[in-house]
N, C-alpha and C. Protein backbone atom coordinates (compact mmCIF):
# COMPACT_ATOMS: atom_id res chain seq x y z
N MET A 1 0.76 -0.89 0.21
CA MET A 1 0.09 0.03 -0.09
C MET A 1 0.69 1.20 -0.16
N PHE A 2 0.41 2.10 -0.56
CA PHE A 2 0.94 3.30 -0.47
C PHE A 2 0.02 4.51 0.03
N TYR A 3 0.92 5.45 0.79
CA TYR A 3 0.07 6.55 1.36
C TYR A 3 0.72 7.96 1.34
N HIS A 4 -0.64 8.83 1.08
CA HIS A 4 -0.06 9.99 0.85
C HIS A 4 -0.46 11.08 2.03
N GLY A 5 -0.02 11.94 2.76
CA GLY A 5 -0.50 12.68 3.83
C GLY A 5 -1.10 14.35 3.29
N ILE A 6 -2.25 14.99 3.65
CA ILE A 6 -2.00 16.57 3.31
C ILE A 6 -3.14 16.85 3.99
N LYS A 7 -3.46 18.19 4.04
CA LYS A 7 -4.23 19.08 4.70
C LYS A 7 -5.55 19.01 3.74
N TRP A 8 -6.69 19.08 4.44
CA TRP A 8 -7.72 18.77 3.67
C TRP A 8 -8.55 20.18 2.62
N GLU A 9 -7.67 21.29 3.36
CA GLU A 9 -7.97 22.57 2.43
C GLU A 9 -7.23 22.52 1.28
N TYR A 10 -6.03 21.56 1.09
CA TYR A 10 -5.35 21.43 -0.36
C TYR A 10 -5.95 20.65 -1.10
N VAL A 11 -6.66 19.36 -0.37
CA VAL A 11 -7.49 18.53 -1.35
C VAL A 11 -8.89 19.20 -1.80
N LEU A 12 -9.77 20.36 -1.24
CA LEU A 12 -10.54 20.92 -1.58
C LEU A 12 -10.02 22.10 -3.05
N ARG A 13 -8.81 22.33 -2.85
CA ARG A 13 -8.44 23.25 -4.10
C ARG A 13 -7.69 22.75 -5.18
N GLU A 14 -7.24 21.64 -4.50
CA GLU A 14 -6.62 20.60 -5.94
C GLU A 14 -6.87 19.72 -6.50
N TYR A 15 -8.23 19.16 -5.81
CA TYR A 15 -9.33 18.14 -6.35
C TYR A 15 -9.45 17.95 -7.81
N PRO A 16 -9.31 17.08 -8.67
CA PRO A 16 -9.19 15.51 -8.04
C PRO A 16 -7.74 15.25 -8.21
N LEU A 17 -6.61 15.81 -9.04
CA LEU A 17 -5.36 15.82 -9.30
C LEU A 17 -4.37 16.30 -8.52
N LEU A 18 -3.39 15.73 -7.78
CA LEU A 18 -2.47 16.61 -7.12
C LEU A 18 -1.03 16.22 -8.01
N SER A 19 -0.61 17.62 -8.17
CA SER A 19 0.56 17.75 -8.95
C SER A 19 1.49 19.07 -8.45
N PRO A 20 2.50 18.61 -8.11
CA PRO A 20 3.57 19.88 -7.60
C PRO A 20 3.56 20.94 -8.67
N ARG A 21 3.47 20.75 -9.93
CA ARG A 21 3.50 21.76 -10.82
C ARG A 21 2.50 23.15 -10.80
N ARG A 22 1.46 22.29 -10.09
CA ARG A 22 0.34 23.63 -10.07
C ARG A 22 0.71 24.42 -8.73
N ILE A 23 1.48 24.20 -7.96
CA ILE A 23 1.79 25.13 -6.67
C ILE A 23 3.38 25.56 -6.73
N VAL A 24 3.81 25.48 -7.86
CA VAL A 24 5.10 25.89 -7.72
C VAL A 24 5.61 27.36 -7.22
N SER A 25 4.66 28.22 -7.47
CA SER A 25 5.01 29.56 -6.73
C SER A 25 4.87 29.90 -5.58
N LYS A 26 4.07 29.03 -4.71
CA LYS A 26 4.16 28.67 -3.36
C LYS A 26 5.36 28.28 -2.37
N HIS A 27 6.46 27.71 -3.36
CA HIS A 27 7.49 26.98 -2.94
C HIS A 27 8.51 28.28 -2.46
N ARG A 28 9.03 28.05 -1.10
CA ARG A 28 9.75 28.95 -0.47
C ARG A 28 10.81 28.46 0.42
N GLY A 29 12.27 28.62 0.27
CA GLY A 29 13.30 28.42 1.23
C GLY A 29 13.73 27.25 0.84
N GLU A 30 13.47 26.17 2.03
CA GLU A 30 14.15 24.74 1.81
C GLU A 30 12.78 23.99 0.98
N GLN A 31 11.76 24.15 0.62
CA GLN A 31 11.19 23.30 -0.61
C GLN A 31 11.59 23.80 -1.64
N ALA A 32 11.84 25.07 -1.94
CA ALA A 32 12.31 25.56 -3.58
C ALA A 32 13.54 24.95 -3.83
N LEU A 33 14.46 24.61 -2.52
CA LEU A 33 16.02 23.95 -2.95
C LEU A 33 15.43 22.39 -3.16
N ASP A 34 14.56 21.89 -2.23
CA ASP A 34 14.14 20.39 -2.75
C ASP A 34 13.66 20.19 -4.16
N ARG A 35 12.71 21.10 -4.01
CA ARG A 35 12.57 21.22 -5.41
C ARG A 35 13.52 21.06 -6.77
N LYS A 36 14.06 22.20 -6.43
CA LYS A 36 15.41 22.15 -7.61
C LYS A 36 16.29 20.83 -7.84
N HIS A 37 16.55 20.37 -6.29
CA HIS A 37 17.31 19.23 -6.37
C HIS A 37 16.40 17.72 -7.56
N LEU A 38 15.07 17.81 -6.57
CA LEU A 38 14.33 16.81 -7.13
C LEU A 38 14.20 16.93 -9.01
N ILE A 39 14.21 18.31 -9.40
CA ILE A 39 14.03 18.18 -10.98
C ILE A 39 15.02 17.93 -11.67
N LYS A 40 16.21 18.38 -10.92
CA LYS A 40 17.55 17.66 -11.49
C LYS A 40 17.76 16.49 -11.68
N GLN A 41 17.39 15.26 -10.56
CA GLN A 41 17.56 14.05 -10.20
C GLN A 41 16.50 13.38 -11.21
N PHE A 42 15.27 13.78 -11.06
CA PHE A 42 14.10 13.08 -12.09
C PHE A 42 13.57 13.74 -13.11
N GLY A 43 13.90 15.05 -13.18
CA GLY A 43 13.35 15.81 -14.41
C GLY A 43 11.95 16.47 -14.22
N LEU A 44 11.49 16.03 -13.12
CA LEU A 44 10.25 16.95 -12.43
C LEU A 44 10.40 16.89 -10.94
N GLU A 45 9.12 17.23 -10.06
CA GLU A 45 8.96 17.35 -8.94
C GLU A 45 7.95 16.31 -8.79
N PRO A 46 7.90 15.22 -8.10
CA PRO A 46 7.31 14.10 -8.05
C PRO A 46 6.25 14.50 -6.52
N VAL A 47 5.06 13.89 -6.84
CA VAL A 47 4.45 13.76 -5.31
C VAL A 47 4.84 12.74 -4.73
N HIS A 48 5.05 12.78 -3.14
CA HIS A 48 5.54 12.11 -2.51
C HIS A 48 4.50 10.72 -1.84
N LEU A 49 4.96 9.81 -1.65
CA LEU A 49 4.37 8.53 -0.95
C LEU A 49 4.98 7.88 -0.07
N LEU A 50 4.35 7.36 1.10
CA LEU A 50 5.18 6.51 1.41
C LEU A 50 4.59 4.79 1.04
N GLU A 51 5.56 4.10 0.91
CA GLU A 51 5.20 2.37 0.70
C GLU A 51 5.42 1.70 2.04
N ALA A 52 4.33 0.79 2.51
CA ALA A 52 4.26 0.05 3.57
C ALA A 52 5.06 -1.06 3.20
N ASP A 53 5.46 -2.29 3.89
CA ASP A 53 6.31 -3.32 3.39
C ASP A 53 6.49 -3.87 4.89
N GLU A 54 6.84 -5.16 5.30
CA GLU A 54 6.84 -6.16 6.40
C GLU A 54 8.06 -5.32 7.21
N ASN A 55 8.66 -4.16 6.83
CA ASN A 55 9.67 -3.54 7.78
C ASN A 55 9.38 -2.41 8.24
N TYR A 56 8.24 -1.71 7.35
CA TYR A 56 7.46 -0.55 7.52
C TYR A 56 6.08 -0.43 7.31
N PRO A 57 5.66 -0.65 8.52
CA PRO A 57 4.23 -0.99 8.69
C PRO A 57 2.95 -0.09 8.28
N HIS A 58 1.82 -0.40 7.65
CA HIS A 58 0.97 0.73 7.21
C HIS A 58 0.80 1.52 8.52
N GLU A 59 0.75 1.18 9.53
CA GLU A 59 0.58 2.22 10.78
C GLU A 59 1.45 2.99 11.04
N ARG A 60 2.74 2.68 10.44
CA ARG A 60 3.72 3.82 10.44
C ARG A 60 3.86 4.67 9.54
N CYS A 61 3.22 4.19 8.35
CA CYS A 61 3.12 5.27 7.39
C CYS A 61 2.21 6.05 7.44
N ILE A 62 0.98 5.61 7.84
CA ILE A 62 -0.30 6.77 8.40
C ILE A 62 0.64 7.73 9.38
N GLN A 63 0.90 7.25 10.44
CA GLN A 63 1.02 8.42 11.42
C GLN A 63 2.39 9.37 10.75
N GLU A 64 3.03 8.82 9.97
CA GLU A 64 4.34 9.73 9.64
C GLU A 64 3.64 10.43 8.52
N CYS A 65 2.43 10.23 7.56
CA CYS A 65 1.97 11.04 6.71
C CYS A 65 0.72 12.09 7.26
N LEU A 66 0.48 11.90 8.86
CA LEU A 66 -0.22 12.78 9.38
C LEU A 66 0.66 13.75 9.81
N GLU A 67 1.75 14.03 9.70
CA GLU A 67 2.74 15.05 10.19
C GLU A 67 2.53 16.09 8.88
N PHE A 68 1.94 15.73 7.83
CA PHE A 68 2.01 16.44 6.56
C PHE A 68 0.67 16.96 6.33
N GLY A 69 -0.64 16.71 7.02
CA GLY A 69 -1.88 16.94 7.11
C GLY A 69 -2.81 16.07 7.88
N ASP A 70 -3.65 16.61 7.79
CA ASP A 70 -4.85 16.12 8.69
C ASP A 70 -5.79 14.91 7.73
N THR A 71 -5.46 14.54 6.98
CA THR A 71 -5.93 13.65 5.97
C THR A 71 -4.77 12.84 4.96
N VAL A 72 -4.94 11.56 5.18
CA VAL A 72 -4.03 10.13 4.39
C VAL A 72 -4.75 9.68 3.25
N PHE A 73 -4.64 9.62 2.18
CA PHE A 73 -5.12 8.50 1.08
C PHE A 73 -4.00 7.58 0.88
N ALA A 74 -4.91 6.45 0.69
CA ALA A 74 -4.33 5.07 0.76
C ALA A 74 -4.57 4.74 -0.38
N PHE A 75 -3.56 3.87 -1.22
CA PHE A 75 -3.64 3.62 -2.55
C PHE A 75 -3.00 2.17 -2.61
N GLU A 76 -3.71 0.95 -3.28
CA GLU A 76 -3.49 -0.06 -3.74
C GLU A 76 -2.13 -0.44 -4.82
N ARG A 77 -2.17 0.75 -5.63
CA ARG A 77 -1.31 0.58 -6.62
C ARG A 77 -1.29 2.12 -7.06
N LEU A 78 -0.22 2.16 -8.04
CA LEU A 78 -0.13 3.83 -8.59
C LEU A 78 0.09 3.65 -9.89
N ASP A 79 0.05 4.65 -10.86
CA ASP A 79 0.31 4.79 -12.10
C ASP A 79 1.71 4.93 -12.27
N ILE A 80 2.37 4.44 -13.41
CA ILE A 80 3.61 4.72 -13.60
C ILE A 80 3.92 5.64 -14.66
N PRO A 81 4.72 6.27 -14.77
CA PRO A 81 5.83 6.30 -13.89
C PRO A 81 6.22 6.30 -12.76
N MET A 82 7.16 5.73 -11.99
CA MET A 82 7.16 5.69 -10.28
C MET A 82 8.26 5.87 -10.00
N TRP A 83 8.77 6.76 -9.15
CA TRP A 83 10.35 6.91 -8.71
C TRP A 83 10.54 6.38 -7.45
N GLN A 84 11.63 5.29 -7.14
CA GLN A 84 12.06 5.46 -5.69
C GLN A 84 12.77 6.72 -5.39
N LEU A 85 12.17 7.05 -4.17
CA LEU A 85 12.92 8.64 -3.89
C LEU A 85 13.48 8.07 -2.66
N SER A 86 13.40 7.15 -2.07
CA SER A 86 14.38 6.39 -0.50
C SER A 86 13.64 5.09 -0.57
N SER A 87 14.48 4.76 0.53
CA SER A 87 13.89 3.01 1.07
C SER A 87 12.43 3.13 0.91
N HIS A 88 11.53 4.08 1.61
CA HIS A 88 10.30 3.71 1.66
C HIS A 88 9.39 4.91 1.21
N GLU A 89 9.87 5.78 0.28
CA GLU A 89 9.22 6.74 -0.46
C GLU A 89 9.37 6.52 -1.82
N VAL A 90 8.52 6.74 -2.65
CA VAL A 90 8.16 6.60 -3.70
C VAL A 90 7.51 8.21 -4.44
N GLY A 91 7.64 8.42 -6.03
CA GLY A 91 6.96 9.43 -6.12
C GLY A 91 6.67 9.21 -7.63
N VAL A 92 5.31 10.20 -7.88
CA VAL A 92 4.41 10.05 -9.05
C VAL A 92 4.60 11.42 -9.69
N GLU A 93 4.35 11.25 -11.14
CA GLU A 93 4.13 13.00 -11.65
C GLU A 93 2.85 13.64 -11.03
N VAL A 94 1.55 12.68 -11.16
CA VAL A 94 0.15 13.25 -10.68
C VAL A 94 -0.49 12.25 -9.97
N LEU A 95 -0.92 12.34 -8.94
CA LEU A 95 -1.63 11.46 -7.96
C LEU A 95 -3.23 11.65 -8.14
N ASP A 96 -3.96 10.94 -8.79
CA ASP A 96 -5.45 11.12 -8.95
C ASP A 96 -6.08 10.64 -7.77
N LEU A 97 -6.53 11.59 -6.97
CA LEU A 97 -6.94 11.25 -5.44
C LEU A 97 -8.63 10.21 -5.61
N ARG A 98 -8.99 10.18 -6.86
CA ARG A 98 -10.31 9.34 -6.77
C ARG A 98 -9.92 8.09 -6.76
N SER A 99 -8.45 7.46 -7.23
CA SER A 99 -8.12 6.23 -7.10
C SER A 99 -7.82 5.37 -6.14
N CYS A 100 -7.84 6.42 -4.73
CA CYS A 100 -7.59 5.57 -3.26
C CYS A 100 -8.89 4.87 -2.86
N THR A 101 -7.95 3.89 -1.90
CA THR A 101 -8.81 2.89 -1.91
C THR A 101 -9.57 2.89 -0.04
N THR A 102 -9.00 3.90 0.77
CA THR A 102 -9.36 4.35 1.84
C THR A 102 -8.54 5.53 2.15
N ILE A 103 -9.52 6.36 3.21
CA ILE A 103 -9.00 7.64 3.46
C ILE A 103 -9.31 7.71 5.02
N TYR A 104 -7.88 8.35 5.82
CA TYR A 104 -7.93 8.37 7.02
C TYR A 104 -8.11 9.86 7.40
N THR A 105 -8.83 10.13 8.46
CA THR A 105 -8.64 11.87 8.83
C THR A 105 -8.99 12.08 10.00
N THR A 106 -8.43 12.98 10.54
CA THR A 106 -8.82 13.53 12.01
C THR A 106 -9.40 14.29 12.41
N ARG A 107 -10.34 15.27 10.87
CA ARG A 107 -11.20 16.13 10.84
C ARG A 107 -12.59 15.55 10.62
N ASN A 108 -13.50 15.75 11.77
CA ASN A 108 -14.90 15.33 12.01
C ASN A 108 -15.61 16.04 10.67
N GLU A 109 -15.53 17.34 10.73
CA GLU A 109 -16.50 18.12 9.56
C GLU A 109 -16.25 17.73 8.45
N THR A 110 -15.03 17.08 8.09
CA THR A 110 -14.48 17.49 6.28
C THR A 110 -15.74 16.18 5.95
N LYS A 111 -16.23 16.69 4.54
CA LYS A 111 -16.99 16.05 3.31
C LYS A 111 -16.59 15.04 2.83
N VAL A 112 -15.99 14.23 3.49
CA VAL A 112 -15.10 13.05 2.14
C VAL A 112 -15.94 12.53 1.45
N GLU A 113 -17.26 11.99 1.88
CA GLU A 113 -17.97 11.26 1.32
C GLU A 113 -18.84 11.95 -0.17
N GLU A 114 -18.74 13.42 0.11
CA GLU A 114 -19.24 14.36 -0.95
C GLU A 114 -18.19 13.94 -2.20
N PHE A 115 -16.70 14.45 -1.92
CA PHE A 115 -15.98 13.87 -3.09
C PHE A 115 -15.64 12.76 -3.46
N PHE A 116 -15.81 11.84 -2.23
CA PHE A 116 -14.93 10.13 -2.45
C PHE A 116 -16.13 9.37 -2.18
N PRO A 117 -17.55 9.38 -2.65
CA PRO A 117 -18.52 8.25 -2.66
C PRO A 117 -18.03 7.13 -2.78
N GLY A 118 -18.52 6.02 -1.97
CA GLY A 118 -17.92 4.45 -1.83
C GLY A 118 -16.62 4.28 -1.54
N ILE A 119 -15.85 5.41 -1.04
CA ILE A 119 -14.64 5.22 -0.69
C ILE A 119 -14.52 5.09 1.15
N PRO A 120 -14.09 3.97 1.57
CA PRO A 120 -14.19 4.15 3.18
C PRO A 120 -13.26 5.28 3.95
N CYS A 121 -13.66 5.84 4.94
CA CYS A 121 -13.14 6.63 5.65
C CYS A 121 -13.46 6.49 7.05
N VAL A 122 -11.71 6.19 7.59
CA VAL A 122 -11.75 6.24 8.79
C VAL A 122 -11.64 7.71 9.50
N ARG A 123 -12.48 7.93 10.53
CA ARG A 123 -12.44 9.29 11.14
C ARG A 123 -12.04 9.20 12.65
N ASP A 124 -10.93 9.62 13.36
CA ASP A 124 -10.77 9.47 14.70
C ASP A 124 -9.76 11.08 14.75
N PHE A 125 -10.39 11.54 16.07
CA PHE A 125 -9.50 12.91 16.44
C PHE A 125 -7.90 12.30 17.37
N PHE A 126 -7.89 11.01 17.41
CA PHE A 126 -6.76 10.43 17.88
C PHE A 126 -6.02 9.60 17.21
N PRO A 127 -5.14 10.15 16.44
CA PRO A 127 -4.46 9.23 14.95
C PRO A 127 -3.92 7.83 15.43
N THR A 128 -3.66 7.62 16.73
CA THR A 128 -2.90 6.57 17.06
C THR A 128 -4.19 5.36 17.14
N LYS A 129 -5.33 6.07 17.06
CA LYS A 129 -6.39 4.60 16.90
C LYS A 129 -6.73 4.05 15.54
N PHE A 130 -6.01 4.67 14.15
CA PHE A 130 -5.93 4.30 13.17
C PHE A 130 -4.87 3.05 12.97
N CYS A 131 -4.17 2.86 14.04
CA CYS A 131 -3.14 2.04 13.95
C CYS A 131 -3.57 0.34 14.73
């Protein structure tokens, strides 16, 4: 499984496709340097996801993704091309949120079902209960 953490406000603004190219002008400081490095290495700035495996369980992926936002999208598979960014991190050029299989959120007021009908949504104010 693959996991992507994001603030719900960005989901509302970027739905249904996430692509770093759409927010380039908002990158400052360290983010801008990271972006330049990734473009030099891969030719683009990919959307980052964590990949779970037997040594890096889904619980850890969810917890770490929640550091980047209040909502985590889980995917069984990703479109190619896909790049290995680190031992547990992959990147894709564009991420279609509609292809997720489960959504985890710490926000109770979020209207997940309106945007993602039929996708299971796990809600909890205490993220440790996701695990």
